[in-house]
Protein backbone atom coordinates (compact mmCIF):
# COMPACT_ATOMS: atom_id res chain seq x y z
CA MET A 1 130.41 126.27 34.19
CA ARG A 2 128.70 126.86 30.88
CA ARG A 3 130.53 125.56 27.81
CA THR A 4 130.55 127.02 24.30
CA ASP A 5 128.59 125.17 21.64
CA ARG A 6 131.85 124.28 19.91
CA ALA A 7 133.39 122.86 23.09
CA ALA A 8 130.23 120.94 23.92
CA ALA A 9 130.12 119.45 20.42
CA ARG A 10 133.78 118.47 20.60
CA ASP A 11 133.32 116.63 23.90
CA ALA A 12 130.05 114.94 22.93
CA GLY A 13 129.91 111.23 22.21
CA PRO A 14 127.46 108.76 20.68
CA GLY A 15 124.07 109.63 22.14
CA TRP A 16 125.29 111.96 24.87
CA THR A 17 126.67 115.42 25.67
CA ILE A 18 128.55 116.77 28.67
CA ASP A 19 125.29 118.06 30.12
CA THR A 20 123.77 114.59 29.71
CA LEU A 21 126.65 113.05 31.67
CA ARG A 22 126.29 115.71 34.38
CA HIS A 23 122.63 114.80 34.74
CA TRP A 24 123.33 111.09 35.13
CA ASP A 25 126.31 111.74 37.41
CA GLN A 26 124.02 113.69 39.74
CA ARG A 27 121.51 110.84 39.81
CA ILE A 28 124.27 108.28 40.43
CA ARG A 29 125.71 110.34 43.29
CA GLU A 30 122.29 110.45 44.93
CA GLN A 31 122.20 106.64 44.83
CA VAL A 32 125.78 106.45 46.10
CA GLU A 33 124.95 108.58 49.12
CA SER A 34 121.73 106.76 49.92
CA SER A 35 123.52 103.40 49.69
CA GLY A 36 126.04 104.34 52.38
CA LEU A 37 129.10 104.54 50.13
CA ALA A 38 131.64 107.10 51.36
CA CYS A 39 133.63 108.50 48.43
CA PHE A 40 136.21 111.15 47.71
CA PRO A 41 135.00 113.98 45.45
CA GLN A 42 134.91 112.52 41.94
CA GLU A 43 136.20 114.11 38.72
CA PHE A 44 135.79 112.69 35.22
CA GLU A 45 137.87 113.38 32.12
CA ILE A 46 136.82 112.43 28.60
CA CYS A 47 139.61 110.92 26.48
CA ASP A 48 140.01 109.32 23.05
CA GLN A 49 141.56 105.94 22.23
CA ASN A 50 145.18 107.11 22.00
CA GLN A 51 144.89 109.04 25.24
CA MET A 52 143.44 105.99 26.98
CA LEU A 53 146.30 103.85 25.66
CA GLY A 54 148.74 106.40 27.04
CA TYR A 55 147.09 106.39 30.46
CA MET A 56 147.15 102.58 30.44
CA ALA A 57 150.86 102.58 29.64
CA TYR A 58 151.45 104.97 32.54
CA ALA A 59 149.25 102.92 34.93
CA GLY A 60 146.55 105.59 34.82
CA MET A 61 148.74 108.46 35.96
CA PRO A 62 148.48 111.86 34.22
CA ALA A 63 152.24 112.32 34.74
CA HIS A 64 155.10 109.86 34.96
CA TYR A 65 158.86 109.87 34.54
CA PRO A 66 160.17 108.75 31.14
CA HIS A 67 161.39 105.18 30.73
CA TRP A 68 161.59 102.88 27.72
CA SER A 69 159.29 100.30 29.34
CA PHE A 70 156.34 102.68 29.20
CA GLY A 71 156.83 103.26 25.48
CA LYS A 72 157.12 99.51 24.94
CA ARG A 73 153.89 98.93 26.83
CA PHE A 74 152.12 101.62 24.80
CA GLU A 75 153.18 100.05 21.51
CA LYS A 76 152.15 96.59 22.67
CA LEU A 77 148.73 97.80 23.82
CA LYS A 78 148.19 99.76 20.61
CA THR A 79 149.17 96.83 18.41
CA LEU A 80 146.89 94.42 20.26
CA HIS A 81 144.05 96.93 20.05
CA ASP A 82 144.61 97.68 16.35
CA VAL A 83 144.45 93.99 15.39
CA GLY A 84 141.40 93.39 17.56
CA ALA A 85 143.15 91.10 20.05
CA THR A 86 142.11 93.24 23.02
CA GLY A 87 139.65 96.00 23.71
CA LEU A 88 140.03 99.15 25.77
CA PRO A 89 138.66 99.58 29.29
CA TYR A 90 135.51 101.61 29.66
CA GLU A 91 137.27 103.65 32.35
CA MET A 92 140.35 104.03 34.50
CA VAL A 93 140.28 105.33 38.07
CA ILE A 94 143.07 106.91 40.09
CA ASN A 95 143.24 106.45 43.85
CA ALA A 96 143.47 110.16 44.67
CA ASN A 97 141.59 112.89 46.52
CA PRO A 98 139.77 114.13 44.54
CA SER A 99 139.50 110.89 42.59
CA LEU A 100 140.13 111.15 38.85
CA ALA A 101 138.60 108.81 36.28
CA TYR A 102 138.92 108.70 32.49
CA LEU A 103 135.91 107.94 30.32
CA MET A 104 136.23 106.83 26.71
CA LYS A 105 134.76 109.32 24.25
CA ASP A 106 133.48 106.49 22.02
CA ASN A 107 131.38 104.95 24.80
CA SER A 108 127.63 104.95 24.36
CA LEU A 109 125.45 106.73 26.92
CA CYS A 110 124.69 103.43 28.65
CA GLN A 111 128.40 102.59 28.89
CA GLN A 112 129.11 105.99 30.39
CA ILE A 113 126.35 105.61 32.99
CA LEU A 114 127.54 102.10 33.90
CA THR A 115 131.19 103.08 34.16
CA MET A 116 130.49 106.19 36.23
CA ALA A 117 128.61 104.00 38.73
CA HIS A 118 131.50 101.51 38.59
CA VAL A 119 133.96 104.33 39.29
CA TYR A 120 132.13 105.35 42.46
CA GLY A 121 132.46 101.77 43.70
CA HIS A 122 136.23 101.94 43.22
CA ASN A 123 136.31 105.39 44.80
CA ASP A 124 134.59 104.12 47.94
CA PHE A 125 136.91 101.11 48.11
CA PHE A 126 140.04 103.27 47.76
CA ARG A 127 138.89 105.59 50.52
CA ASN A 128 137.83 102.95 53.04
CA ASN A 129 139.93 99.80 52.65
CA VAL A 130 142.70 99.65 55.25
CA TYR A 131 145.35 98.59 52.73
CA PHE A 132 145.10 102.03 51.10
CA GLY A 133 145.46 103.89 54.39
CA HIS A 134 149.10 104.85 53.80
CA THR A 135 148.80 105.99 50.16
CA HIS A 136 148.11 109.70 50.95
CA PRO A 137 145.53 110.15 48.16
CA GLU A 138 145.44 113.92 48.63
CA LEU A 139 149.09 114.09 47.53
CA VAL A 140 149.13 111.49 44.75
CA THR A 141 148.80 113.61 41.61
CA GLY A 142 151.30 116.20 42.78
CA ALA A 143 153.73 113.56 44.03
CA PHE A 144 153.82 111.77 40.66
CA LYS A 145 154.46 115.07 38.86
CA LEU A 146 157.31 115.98 41.20
CA ARG A 147 158.90 112.54 40.83
CA ALA A 148 158.68 112.81 37.05
CA GLU A 149 160.38 116.22 37.15
CA ARG A 150 163.21 114.91 39.33
CA VAL A 151 163.93 111.99 37.01
CA ARG A 152 163.84 114.28 33.96
CA ASP A 153 166.33 116.57 35.68
CA TYR A 154 168.72 113.63 36.13
CA ILE A 155 168.28 112.61 32.50
CA GLU A 156 169.04 116.14 31.31
CA ASP A 157 172.07 116.49 33.59
CA PRO A 158 175.17 116.10 31.35
CA SER A 159 177.05 114.33 34.14
CA ILE A 160 174.34 111.63 34.39
CA GLY A 161 172.29 111.28 31.20
CA LEU A 162 169.55 109.06 29.82
CA GLU A 163 171.48 105.77 29.56
CA ARG A 164 172.65 105.74 33.19
CA VAL A 165 169.23 106.69 34.52
CA GLU A 166 167.37 104.09 32.45
CA ALA A 167 169.85 101.32 33.31
CA PHE A 168 169.46 102.13 37.00
CA LEU A 169 165.68 102.25 36.69
CA ASP A 170 165.73 98.83 34.97
CA ALA A 171 167.23 97.26 38.08
CA ALA A 172 165.04 99.23 40.49
CA HIS A 173 161.85 98.29 38.61
CA ALA A 174 162.79 94.60 38.69
CA LEU A 175 163.04 94.70 42.50
CA SER A 176 160.24 97.17 43.25
CA LEU A 177 157.84 94.59 44.76
CA GLN A 178 160.41 93.41 47.29
CA VAL A 179 158.78 95.37 50.09
CA ARG A 180 157.00 94.55 53.33
CA ARG A 181 153.54 93.26 52.38
CA HIS A 182 151.69 94.77 55.36
CA ALA A 183 152.56 98.45 55.30
CA PHE A 184 149.93 99.34 57.93
CA ILE A 185 151.74 97.22 60.54
CA ARG A 186 154.35 99.39 62.21
CA LYS A 187 157.95 98.34 61.69
CA ALA A 188 160.03 97.88 64.84
CA SER A 189 162.64 100.54 65.52
CA ARG A 190 166.31 99.72 65.84
CA ALA A 191 166.07 100.11 69.64
CA GLU A 192 163.12 97.69 69.77
CA GLN A 193 165.01 95.17 67.63
CA GLU A 194 168.03 95.41 69.93
CA ALA A 195 165.81 94.83 72.98
CA ARG A 196 164.30 91.76 71.33
CA ALA A 197 167.73 90.43 70.43
CA LEU A 198 168.92 90.81 74.00
CA ARG A 199 165.83 89.01 75.31
CA ARG A 200 166.36 86.14 72.86
CA SER A 201 170.00 85.86 73.96
CA GLN A 202 169.03 85.08 77.54
CA PRO A 203 168.80 81.39 78.48
CA PRO A 204 165.29 80.03 79.07
CA ARG A 205 164.06 79.77 82.63
CA ASP A 206 165.31 76.53 84.20
CA PRO A 207 162.96 75.06 86.82
CA HIS A 208 165.89 72.99 88.17
CA ALA A 209 168.40 75.82 88.31
CA SER A 210 169.40 74.84 91.86
CA ILE A 211 171.00 71.61 90.64
CA HIS A 212 172.18 72.73 87.18
CA PRO A 213 175.15 74.91 86.39
CA PRO A 214 174.01 78.39 85.34
CA ALA A 215 173.39 78.73 81.58
CA LYS A 216 175.24 81.44 79.75
CA PRO A 217 173.56 84.01 77.50
CA VAL A 218 173.94 83.46 73.76
CA ALA A 219 176.30 85.94 72.16
CA VAL A 220 174.48 88.55 70.09
CA ASP A 221 176.07 91.00 67.67
CA LEU A 222 174.21 94.28 68.13
CA GLU A 223 176.33 95.90 65.41
CA ARG A 224 174.99 93.61 62.69
CA VAL A 225 173.06 95.30 59.88
CA PRO A 226 170.25 94.45 59.68
CA LEU A 227 169.62 93.13 63.14
CA GLU A 228 166.46 91.34 61.94
CA PRO A 229 165.70 90.16 58.38
CA GLU A 230 164.76 93.15 56.22
CA GLU A 231 162.18 92.94 53.40
CA ASP A 232 162.34 96.54 52.12
CA LEU A 233 165.11 95.79 49.65
CA LEU A 234 165.32 99.06 47.69
CA LEU A 235 165.26 101.22 50.81
CA PHE A 236 167.84 99.03 52.51
CA ILE A 237 170.19 99.37 49.55
CA ARG A 238 169.55 103.12 49.46
CA ASP A 239 170.43 103.50 53.13
CA HIS A 240 173.39 101.11 53.37
CA SER A 241 175.18 100.94 50.04
CA THR A 242 178.42 102.92 50.05
CA TYR A 243 178.59 103.18 46.25
CA LEU A 244 175.47 105.14 45.34
CA ALA A 245 175.38 108.77 44.26
CA ASP A 246 172.70 111.06 45.65
CA TRP A 247 170.66 110.89 42.41
CA GLN A 248 170.68 107.09 42.56
CA LYS A 249 169.42 107.12 46.14
CA ASP A 250 166.66 109.48 45.07
CA VAL A 251 165.66 107.19 42.18
CA LEU A 252 165.39 104.26 44.61
CA THR A 253 163.18 106.39 46.84
CA ILE A 254 160.98 107.28 43.85
CA VAL A 255 160.57 103.70 42.62
CA ASP A 256 159.92 102.38 46.12
CA GLY A 257 157.31 105.08 46.78
CA GLN A 258 155.45 104.30 43.57
CA ALA A 259 155.53 100.55 44.26
CA ARG A 260 153.98 101.16 47.68
CA TYR A 261 151.25 103.24 46.08
CA PHE A 262 150.32 100.47 43.62
CA LEU A 263 150.82 97.53 46.01
CA PRO A 264 147.35 97.76 47.64
CA GLN A 265 145.74 97.67 44.20
CA ILE A 266 147.61 94.44 43.46
CA GLN A 267 146.61 93.00 46.84
CA THR A 268 142.88 93.79 46.43
CA LYS A 269 142.24 93.33 42.69
CA ILE A 270 139.46 90.74 43.10
CA MET A 271 137.78 92.55 45.99
CA ASN A 272 138.01 95.96 44.33
CA GLU A 273 136.68 94.95 40.91
CA GLY A 274 133.98 92.82 42.49
CA TRP A 275 132.94 95.66 44.79
CA ALA A 276 132.69 98.15 41.92
CA SER A 277 130.71 95.63 39.83
CA PHE A 278 128.39 94.81 42.74
CA TRP A 279 127.58 98.48 43.26
CA HIS A 280 127.25 99.48 39.62
CA HIS A 281 124.68 96.69 39.30
CA ARG A 282 122.69 97.88 42.32
CA ILE A 283 122.92 101.56 41.40
CA LEU A 284 121.80 101.13 37.81
CA ASN A 285 118.89 98.94 38.83
CA ALA A 286 117.87 101.65 41.31
CA LEU A 287 118.01 104.33 38.59
CA ALA A 288 115.04 102.80 36.76
CA LEU A 289 116.68 103.23 33.37
CA PRO A 290 114.56 103.51 30.23
CA GLN A 291 114.00 100.07 28.71
CA GLY A 292 116.52 100.50 25.88
CA LEU A 293 119.27 101.63 28.26
CA HIS A 294 118.41 98.92 30.77
CA LEU A 295 118.69 96.13 28.19
CA GLU A 296 122.03 97.49 26.97
CA PHE A 297 123.20 97.75 30.59
CA LEU A 298 122.40 94.06 31.19
CA VAL A 299 124.45 93.10 28.12
CA HIS A 300 127.48 95.14 29.22
CA HIS A 301 127.20 94.00 32.85
CA ASN A 302 127.15 90.34 31.86
CA GLN A 303 130.13 90.89 29.56
CA VAL A 304 132.08 92.38 32.48
CA ILE A 305 131.35 89.66 35.06
CA ARG A 306 131.28 86.57 32.83
CA PRO A 307 133.82 83.77 33.43
CA GLN A 308 136.97 83.67 31.30
CA PRO A 309 137.72 80.20 29.92
CA GLY A 310 141.23 79.21 30.94
CA GLY A 311 141.65 82.19 33.26
CA LEU A 312 140.34 83.92 36.36
CA ASN A 313 138.14 86.98 35.84
CA PRO A 314 138.48 89.09 39.02
CA TYR A 315 135.19 90.87 38.20
CA HIS A 316 133.39 87.51 38.06
CA VAL A 317 134.88 86.01 41.23
CA GLY A 318 134.70 89.24 43.23
CA TYR A 319 131.13 90.04 42.22
CA ARG A 320 129.92 86.54 43.13
CA LEU A 321 131.62 86.65 46.54
CA TRP A 322 130.11 90.05 47.40
CA GLN A 323 126.71 88.68 46.42
CA HIS A 324 127.35 85.69 48.68
CA ILE A 325 128.35 87.90 51.64
CA HIS A 326 125.24 90.04 51.19
CA GLU A 327 122.95 87.01 50.97
CA GLU A 328 124.50 85.13 53.90
CA HIS A 329 125.60 87.91 56.27
CA GLY A 330 123.60 91.02 55.41
CA GLU A 331 124.24 94.61 54.36
CA ALA A 332 126.44 95.61 57.30
CA ALA A 333 128.88 92.78 56.59
CA LEU A 334 129.57 94.23 53.14
CA PHE A 335 131.08 97.39 54.60
CA GLU A 336 132.95 95.57 57.36
CA VAL A 337 134.64 93.21 54.90
CA ARG A 338 135.36 96.03 52.43
CA GLU A 339 137.24 97.85 55.18
CA VAL A 340 139.56 95.17 56.55
CA ASP A 341 140.29 92.46 53.98
CA SER A 342 142.71 91.88 51.13
CA ASP A 343 142.16 89.33 48.36
CA VAL A 344 143.90 86.56 50.29
CA SER A 345 141.82 86.94 53.47
CA PHE A 346 138.68 87.68 51.42
CA LEU A 347 138.97 84.41 49.51
CA ARG A 348 140.11 82.42 52.54
CA ARG A 349 137.11 83.54 54.60
CA PHE A 350 134.29 83.41 52.07
CA LEU A 351 135.20 81.10 49.19
CA ASP A 352 133.57 77.88 50.37
CA GLU A 353 133.04 74.52 48.67
CA ARG A 354 129.67 75.48 47.17
CA LEU A 355 131.06 78.68 45.63
CA MET A 356 134.13 76.86 44.36
CA ARG A 357 131.87 74.51 42.43
CA GLU A 358 129.54 77.25 41.20
CA LEU A 359 132.53 79.22 39.90
CA ASP A 360 133.94 76.08 38.22
CA LEU A 361 137.39 76.68 39.68
CA TYR A 362 140.10 74.18 38.87
CA GLU A 363 143.86 73.74 38.91
CA TYR A 364 145.97 73.03 35.86
CA ALA A 365 149.54 71.85 35.35
CA LYS A 366 151.99 71.66 32.49
CA ARG A 367 152.61 68.23 31.00
CA GLY A 368 155.03 68.31 28.14
CA ASN A 369 153.96 71.13 25.87
CA GLN A 370 150.35 71.10 27.04
CA LEU A 371 148.37 72.46 29.97
CA VAL A 372 145.99 69.93 31.47
CA VAL A 373 143.47 70.10 34.30
CA SER A 374 145.07 68.44 37.33
CA ARG A 375 142.40 69.06 40.00
CA VAL A 376 138.79 70.24 40.06
CA ALA A 377 136.81 71.68 42.96
CA ASP A 378 135.10 68.43 43.94
CA GLU A 379 134.57 67.17 47.46
CA GLU A 380 138.05 65.64 47.61
CA HIS A 381 140.14 68.40 46.03
CA TRP A 382 138.40 71.76 46.47
CA ARG A 383 140.61 72.72 49.41
CA ASP A 384 143.73 71.98 47.33
CA VAL A 385 142.42 74.10 44.45
CA LYS A 386 141.62 76.91 46.88
CA ALA A 387 145.10 76.73 48.41
CA THR A 388 146.64 77.00 44.94
CA LEU A 389 144.47 80.04 44.21
CA LEU A 390 145.52 81.73 47.46
CA ASN A 391 149.15 81.18 46.51
CA GLN A 392 148.63 83.02 43.22
CA VAL A 393 146.49 86.09 43.99
CA GLY A 394 147.93 89.52 44.67
CA VAL A 395 151.64 89.43 45.44
CA SER A 396 151.46 85.89 46.81
CA SER A 397 153.19 84.61 43.68
CA VAL A 398 156.11 87.06 44.16
CA PRO A 399 158.89 85.42 46.22
CA VAL A 400 159.81 87.11 49.49
CA ILE A 401 163.51 88.04 49.52
CA ARG A 402 164.99 89.32 52.79
CA VAL A 403 168.32 90.92 53.65
CA LEU A 404 170.26 89.00 56.31
CA ASP A 405 173.64 90.72 56.34
CA ALA A 406 175.03 93.85 54.67
CA ASP A 407 178.64 92.95 55.47
CA TYR A 408 178.87 89.20 55.10
CA ASP A 409 182.43 87.88 55.50
CA ALA A 410 183.39 91.44 56.42
CA ASN A 411 183.82 92.43 52.74
CA ARG A 412 180.52 94.26 52.04
CA THR A 413 178.94 91.18 50.45
CA LEU A 414 175.15 91.37 50.66
CA LEU A 415 173.58 88.16 51.98
CA LEU A 416 169.94 87.59 51.07
CA GLU A 417 167.48 84.86 52.03
CA HIS A 418 164.55 83.49 50.06
CA ALA A 419 161.64 82.85 52.45
CA TYR A 420 161.01 79.33 51.18
CA ASP A 421 157.33 78.31 51.38
CA GLY A 422 157.48 75.08 49.40
CA ARG A 423 157.74 76.86 46.04
CA GLU A 424 161.15 76.96 44.43
CA LEU A 425 162.64 79.92 42.62
CA GLU A 426 163.00 79.67 38.86
CA SER A 427 166.78 79.57 38.48
CA GLU A 428 166.92 81.84 35.43
CA TYR A 429 164.89 84.58 37.12
CA ALA A 430 166.80 84.13 40.38
CA MET A 431 170.12 84.80 38.64
CA ARG A 432 168.69 87.81 36.82
CA THR A 433 167.45 89.15 40.14
CA LEU A 434 170.89 88.74 41.68
CA ALA A 435 172.39 90.68 38.76
CA HIS A 436 169.93 93.52 39.36
CA VAL A 437 170.70 93.57 43.10
CA ARG A 438 174.44 93.62 42.39
CA ARG A 439 173.99 96.55 39.99
CA LEU A 440 172.36 98.52 42.79
CA TRP A 441 174.47 97.28 45.72
CA GLY A 442 177.82 97.60 43.93
CA ARG A 443 179.36 94.47 45.45
CA ARG A 444 178.92 90.69 45.48
CA VAL A 445 175.45 89.35 46.37
CA LEU A 446 174.55 85.92 47.80
CA LEU A 447 171.09 84.36 48.04
CA ASP A 448 170.18 81.39 50.25
CA THR A 449 167.31 79.27 48.95
CA VAL A 450 166.04 75.69 48.56
CA MET A 451 165.90 73.76 45.29
CA GLY A 452 164.83 70.15 45.25
CA ASP A 453 165.94 68.70 48.55
CA GLU A 454 169.05 70.83 48.77
CA ARG A 455 169.76 74.12 50.47
CA LEU A 456 171.71 76.24 48.01
CA ARG A 457 173.57 79.50 48.06
CA LEU A 458 173.35 81.37 44.78
CA SER A 459 176.01 83.93 43.92
CA SER A 460 175.90 86.92 41.61
CA GLU A 461 179.38 85.87 40.44
CA GLY A 462 179.23 82.15 39.84
CA ASP A 463 177.68 78.73 40.24
CA PRO A 464 175.50 77.81 43.24
CA THR A 465 177.05 76.02 46.20
CA LEU A 466 175.54 73.70 48.78
CA ARG A 467 175.19 75.05 52.27
């Protein structure tokens, strides 16, 4: 489509026009196809600083339901940007079909070329990694718009209103990551759970049954809800609370659906950013850029993948691991790993002792008011440092809370269990979480956990008790 001179001038940036970007996009797509990347159709939108801040506040979505937390995030991002504490991303990419990416108007031509190539790396990852298989990218943009409209309708309803909706969303947001972590593994049906319970109730086979009295089956309550521990907390409350209005159940469905859409991005942050960086580097080198653009590209690329003192740069770690896989296992391995792994399995499989040392990874701990290095990736401790890293990436640092009983003590008390893995809950956050669950459930909530050497039962209504 031809654009008017005025429109073209309005959309132009430093050293480039829309036609210039179309030219480079065509050249990048040729490299993408020849490299074996398999992408959704890609669309780009040019935006200014305020628009980019808005998209960042809304997690990249062009439409979102209103909530005070988004406005708070916008103001925080804007303040940090205005005082120079943080910069803005060169781009943002939406996992959708067609994929949508935002490019900053103030980017130089080299930055636009680099970020378009980076976007195609993300696009390929979104389309082909198994963790994104359930996200229905062809429906994403429309689904977010419809969800936003439904929430706005509840806000504008005089019988509901803004305060009730926002208070309910506060609690739902706080619990939104309490979902099953492996969405592509099919959940057992109620009938299958009952069959398993009946099998478990049968006594084990006794090789000396002829001389022993017959063992009796263990009693099993097939009416219990849930029959097996349930990790989908919001959906369980939606389906089993007797105190929720229809609009509240719908809000839980909305928040849960959006959490499931973003969960794979949390689980693959290091892989995804490393993959996009690996491919933008290869693509731009293959483009044979003019010398001035190539030198600027090297500067920007090194800024993206450089280590962050005191922190973990996912671009740096991911890029180095993809390089390692390519060097040690070949081209085909890149696409195999991209398809099946998450950050945890990616790091567990390929982050070896040599890479740990090259990346200068270490573990730190709090001593008094200071943070000090407690372990480094030397021959003695690198496995410990790696284990600590695996416990922190993705959603590994989010405690797993499971529903055990929706009618504990036969009075509609909700009994939860913390899947203790050696890491204790922070008591303040645990009590806040119980308050949020109670707000949604409508009755008393109990949580079994471990603190110190004691097994405790926390209550939404009082002090913890030993159990």
